[in-house]
Amino acid sequence: METLTQPSPEASTQQSARREKMQEFKYRILSWLIWLLARAIYKTLRMQTENMEGLIPSPNKGAILVTWHGRTFIAANILRNRGYWALISLSRDGELQNRIFRRFGFQTVRGSTGRGGVRGALEMARKVQKGEVLAFTPDGPRGPTHKVQPGVILMAEKSGAPIVPVGISASKRILIRSWDSYMIPLPFARAFFLVGEPIYVPPNLDENGRLAYAAQLERALNRMEREAERRAGHPHYPPEWATEER
């Protein structure tokens, strides 16, 4: 009878190290390819922006810039190399996103509104309170789409910084079959980046107060996106994404 021999601890360690190196190589190459493709497409777009001065409502103070998870392609390009912060998921997919955002010149903190969210949110709140700017997707990292999670309200409450909603669209695009219908604009499309009015969240809210501000932000973001969609030639905005108080 043959006896099965278990790999030695040293062999197991070597195998684990090789897997980590391969994973590192894969993430490095894939993030570079995605960044390269995104930059190449973006340079062909006929961009129209509005109220860019409203990105930072108070000079030398922090802000939280928000758009929906499926619209970050254009946002990452426009906000690149400004030293803004991004809160990236702790998931395995988040590692790839982390590398992509760093290639775009963002600083990153790992966390989310889900696992590790409170810690990540509080860490970002401290940075924003000191004058840093956060670019954030309040329906991430797993959705549901167009639904504000409480983390962004907590960050605004603790930092005192305004939340600035941004609506994004493109005339010709691909909408990937994913939970967020991720939008990739096609080359030479007309694209829109519309900056809305800031929302200030007061301190010391209770749960009902946070939910009320989350609903207010949700409607504001949907209004900005609906307007961007209209200008891009997509007038049929889903009615389930509320734009006014019901």
Protein backbone atom coordinates (compact mmCIF):
# COMPACT_ATOMS: atom_id res chain seq x y z
CA MET A 1 0.00 0.00 0.00
CA GLU A 2 1.28 3.42 -0.96
CA THR A 3 1.55 6.00 1.74
CA LEU A 4 0.69 9.60 1.01
CA THR A 5 3.26 12.05 2.19
CA GLN A 6 2.21 15.51 3.26
CA PRO A 7 4.22 18.43 1.86
CA SER A 8 6.69 19.82 4.30
CA PRO A 9 6.00 23.21 5.91
CA GLU A 10 8.82 24.69 3.82
CA ALA A 11 7.30 23.35 0.57
CA SER A 12 3.86 24.71 1.53
CA THR A 13 5.37 28.11 2.27
CA GLN A 14 7.15 28.12 -1.09
CA GLN A 15 3.94 27.19 -2.92
CA SER A 16 2.05 29.96 -1.14
CA ALA A 17 4.77 32.47 -2.01
CA ARG A 18 4.63 31.43 -5.68
CA ARG A 19 0.84 31.86 -5.75
CA GLU A 20 1.14 35.31 -4.20
CA LYS A 21 3.75 36.32 -6.79
CA MET A 22 1.52 35.13 -9.63
CA GLN A 23 -1.44 36.99 -8.18
CA GLU A 24 0.67 40.11 -7.80
CA PHE A 25 1.81 39.83 -11.41
CA LYS A 26 -1.76 39.33 -12.64
CA TYR A 27 -3.08 42.35 -10.74
CA ARG A 28 -0.20 44.53 -11.91
CA ILE A 29 -0.67 43.67 -15.60
CA LEU A 30 -4.46 43.73 -15.53
CA SER A 31 -4.67 47.07 -13.72
CA TRP A 32 -2.22 48.57 -16.21
CA LEU A 33 -4.23 47.29 -19.20
CA ILE A 34 -7.53 48.57 -17.80
CA TRP A 35 -5.99 51.96 -17.01
CA LEU A 36 -4.47 52.17 -20.50
CA LEU A 37 -7.77 51.33 -22.19
CA ALA A 38 -9.70 53.78 -20.00
CA ARG A 39 -7.29 56.61 -20.76
CA ALA A 40 -7.33 55.85 -24.49
CA ILE A 41 -11.14 55.92 -24.67
CA TYR A 42 -11.44 59.00 -22.44
CA LYS A 43 -9.12 61.05 -24.67
CA THR A 44 -11.56 60.62 -27.57
CA LEU A 45 -14.66 61.72 -25.64
CA ARG A 46 -16.36 65.03 -26.32
CA MET A 47 -16.62 65.99 -22.65
CA GLN A 48 -19.03 68.59 -21.36
CA THR A 49 -18.72 69.57 -17.72
CA GLU A 50 -20.88 71.85 -15.61
CA ASN A 51 -20.27 73.62 -12.30
CA MET A 52 -16.74 72.23 -11.84
CA GLU A 53 -16.07 75.02 -9.35
CA GLY A 54 -18.74 73.38 -7.17
CA LEU A 55 -16.63 70.26 -6.62
CA ILE A 56 -15.03 71.89 -3.58
CA PRO A 57 -17.70 74.21 -2.11
CA SER A 58 -15.32 75.72 0.47
CA PRO A 59 -11.69 76.26 -0.59
CA ASN A 60 -9.10 74.63 1.68
CA LYS A 61 -11.79 72.45 3.26
CA GLY A 62 -12.71 68.85 2.65
CA ALA A 63 -15.52 67.46 0.52
CA ILE A 64 -17.12 64.13 -0.32
CA LEU A 65 -17.75 63.75 -4.06
CA VAL A 66 -20.30 61.07 -4.93
CA THR A 67 -21.62 59.36 -8.04
CA TRP A 68 -23.22 55.97 -8.59
CA HIS A 69 -20.98 52.90 -8.72
CA GLY A 70 -21.71 52.23 -12.39
CA ARG A 71 -20.45 55.64 -13.52
CA THR A 72 -16.87 55.72 -12.23
CA PHE A 73 -15.18 55.33 -15.65
CA ILE A 74 -15.52 59.03 -16.48
CA ALA A 75 -15.17 60.20 -12.88
CA ALA A 76 -11.82 58.43 -12.44
CA ASN A 77 -10.47 60.15 -15.54
CA ILE A 78 -11.71 63.64 -14.71
CA LEU A 79 -10.58 63.52 -11.07
CA ARG A 80 -7.24 61.82 -11.76
CA ASN A 81 -3.92 63.01 -10.34
CA ARG A 82 -5.49 65.40 -7.82
CA GLY A 83 -4.50 63.39 -4.77
CA TYR A 84 -8.13 62.72 -3.91
CA TRP A 85 -8.97 59.72 -1.75
CA ALA A 86 -11.04 56.65 -2.63
CA LEU A 87 -12.49 54.10 -0.21
CA ILE A 88 -11.96 50.67 -1.78
CA SER A 89 -13.63 47.38 -0.84
CA LEU A 90 -11.77 44.79 1.22
CA SER A 91 -12.85 42.06 -1.21
CA ARG A 92 -10.58 40.28 -3.69
CA ASP A 93 -12.10 42.36 -6.52
CA GLY A 94 -11.30 45.41 -4.42
CA GLU A 95 -7.59 44.68 -4.74
CA LEU A 96 -7.77 45.15 -8.51
CA GLN A 97 -9.85 48.32 -8.07
CA ASN A 98 -7.32 49.58 -5.56
CA ARG A 99 -4.49 49.24 -8.08
CA ILE A 100 -6.52 50.85 -10.86
CA PHE A 101 -7.43 53.87 -8.75
CA ARG A 102 -3.83 54.28 -7.67
CA ARG A 103 -2.79 54.34 -11.33
CA PHE A 104 -5.27 57.19 -11.77
CA GLY A 105 -3.46 59.11 -9.03
CA PHE A 106 -5.90 58.52 -6.17
CA GLN A 107 -4.89 57.79 -2.61
CA THR A 108 -6.79 54.83 -1.19
CA VAL A 109 -8.11 53.43 2.07
CA ARG A 110 -9.37 49.84 2.20
CA GLY A 111 -12.86 49.47 3.64
CA SER A 112 -16.48 49.88 2.58
CA THR A 113 -20.01 50.43 3.83
CA GLY A 114 -20.13 46.67 4.38
CA ARG A 115 -17.34 44.54 5.86
CA GLY A 116 -14.84 46.80 7.58
CA GLY A 117 -17.06 49.72 6.73
CA VAL A 118 -17.30 51.56 10.04
CA ARG A 119 -13.55 51.54 10.50
CA GLY A 120 -12.96 52.68 6.91
CA ALA A 121 -15.67 55.33 7.14
CA LEU A 122 -14.29 56.80 10.36
CA GLU A 123 -10.75 56.80 9.00
CA MET A 124 -11.92 58.68 5.91
CA ALA A 125 -13.99 61.07 8.02
CA ARG A 126 -10.83 62.08 9.89
CA LYS A 127 -8.99 62.73 6.63
CA VAL A 128 -11.85 64.76 5.16
CA GLN A 129 -12.14 66.74 8.39
CA LYS A 130 -8.51 67.79 7.86
CA GLY A 131 -9.29 69.11 4.37
CA GLU A 132 -8.87 66.04 2.17
CA VAL A 133 -11.30 65.22 -0.66
CA LEU A 134 -12.99 61.83 -0.97
CA ALA A 135 -14.43 60.41 -4.21
CA PHE A 136 -17.05 57.83 -3.22
CA THR A 137 -19.78 55.57 -4.63
CA PRO A 138 -22.53 55.43 -1.99
CA ASP A 139 -24.21 52.33 -3.47
CA GLY A 140 -21.02 50.25 -3.49
CA PRO A 141 -19.40 47.86 -3.35
CA ARG A 142 -22.20 45.37 -4.00
CA GLY A 143 -25.37 47.42 -4.21
CA PRO A 144 -28.25 47.53 -4.57
CA THR A 145 -27.66 50.04 -7.32
CA HIS A 146 -28.86 53.61 -6.84
CA LYS A 147 -29.40 52.99 -3.13
CA VAL A 148 -27.38 55.16 -0.71
CA GLN A 149 -25.74 53.14 2.05
CA PRO A 150 -25.37 54.84 5.47
CA GLY A 151 -21.56 55.01 5.40
CA VAL A 152 -21.41 58.22 3.36
CA ILE A 153 -23.83 59.96 5.72
CA LEU A 154 -21.75 58.88 8.71
CA MET A 155 -18.60 60.29 7.07
CA ALA A 156 -20.28 63.62 6.36
CA GLU A 157 -21.74 63.75 9.86
CA LYS A 158 -18.40 63.10 11.55
CA SER A 159 -16.28 65.31 9.27
CA GLY A 160 -18.63 68.27 8.78
CA ALA A 161 -17.74 68.24 5.07
CA PRO A 162 -20.38 68.64 2.35
CA ILE A 163 -21.49 65.82 0.08
CA VAL A 164 -21.41 66.87 -3.59
CA PRO A 165 -23.56 64.79 -6.01
CA VAL A 166 -22.30 64.29 -9.57
CA GLY A 167 -24.37 63.08 -12.54
CA ILE A 168 -22.56 61.28 -15.35
CA SER A 169 -23.64 59.91 -18.73
CA ALA A 170 -22.50 59.31 -22.30
CA SER A 171 -24.41 59.30 -25.57
CA LYS A 172 -22.97 56.07 -26.93
CA ARG A 173 -21.96 53.47 -24.40
CA ILE A 174 -21.90 49.88 -23.30
CA LEU A 175 -23.82 48.96 -20.15
CA ILE A 176 -22.25 45.82 -18.73
CA ARG A 177 -24.59 43.14 -17.37
CA SER A 178 -23.61 43.59 -13.75
CA TRP A 179 -25.46 44.65 -10.61
CA ASP A 180 -24.54 48.29 -11.28
CA SER A 181 -24.95 48.24 -15.12
CA TYR A 182 -21.41 49.60 -15.35
CA MET A 183 -21.14 52.20 -18.12
CA ILE A 184 -18.23 52.20 -20.56
CA PRO A 185 -18.50 55.08 -23.05
CA LEU A 186 -17.69 54.29 -26.64
CA PRO A 187 -14.91 56.23 -28.39
CA PHE A 188 -15.89 59.72 -29.59
CA ALA A 189 -19.16 59.74 -27.63
CA ARG A 190 -20.55 62.92 -26.09
CA ALA A 191 -20.09 62.65 -22.34
CA PHE A 192 -21.42 64.71 -19.42
CA PHE A 193 -20.12 65.38 -15.92
CA LEU A 194 -22.58 67.57 -14.01
CA VAL A 195 -21.80 68.79 -10.49
CA GLY A 196 -24.77 69.42 -8.20
CA GLU A 197 -25.38 71.48 -5.10
CA PRO A 198 -23.71 70.41 -1.84
CA ILE A 199 -25.60 68.66 0.93
CA TYR A 200 -24.53 69.43 4.51
CA VAL A 201 -25.22 66.78 7.15
CA PRO A 202 -25.55 68.02 10.75
CA PRO A 203 -23.75 66.26 13.62
CA ASN A 204 -25.24 63.88 16.17
CA LEU A 205 -27.99 62.40 14.03
CA ASP A 206 -29.98 59.41 15.16
CA GLU A 207 -30.70 56.47 12.84
CA ASN A 208 -33.87 58.04 11.45
CA GLY A 209 -31.99 61.25 10.73
CA ARG A 210 -29.28 59.39 8.81
CA LEU A 211 -31.90 57.53 6.80
CA ALA A 212 -33.60 60.82 5.92
CA TYR A 213 -30.35 62.35 4.66
CA ALA A 214 -29.55 59.14 2.75
CA ALA A 215 -32.90 59.47 0.97
CA GLN A 216 -32.24 63.16 0.25
CA LEU A 217 -28.83 62.35 -1.24
CA GLU A 218 -30.34 59.51 -3.27
CA ARG A 219 -32.85 61.86 -4.87
CA ALA A 220 -30.22 64.52 -5.54
CA LEU A 221 -27.89 62.01 -7.22
CA ASN A 222 -30.73 60.63 -9.33
CA ARG A 223 -31.73 64.13 -10.45
CA MET A 224 -28.17 64.88 -11.55
CA GLU A 225 -27.87 61.56 -13.35
CA ARG A 226 -31.29 61.97 -14.98
CA GLU A 227 -30.22 65.37 -16.34
CA ALA A 228 -26.94 63.94 -17.62
CA GLU A 229 -28.87 61.10 -19.26
CA ARG A 230 -31.29 63.55 -20.89
CA ARG A 231 -28.46 65.61 -22.36
CA ALA A 232 -26.82 62.45 -23.63
CA GLY A 233 -29.99 61.46 -25.48
CA HIS A 234 -31.40 58.93 -23.00
CA PRO A 235 -34.68 60.50 -21.81
CA HIS A 236 -36.28 57.41 -20.23
CA TYR A 237 -34.96 57.43 -16.67
CA PRO A 238 -36.12 54.44 -14.57
CA PRO A 239 -39.08 55.58 -12.42
CA GLU A 240 -37.99 53.37 -9.53
CA TRP A 241 -34.97 55.65 -9.06
CA ALA A 242 -36.73 58.45 -7.23
CA THR A 243 -35.83 62.05 -8.05
CA GLU A 244 -38.43 63.76 -5.85
CA GLU A 245 -39.83 63.07 -2.40
CA ARG A 246 -42.81 60.77 -2.53
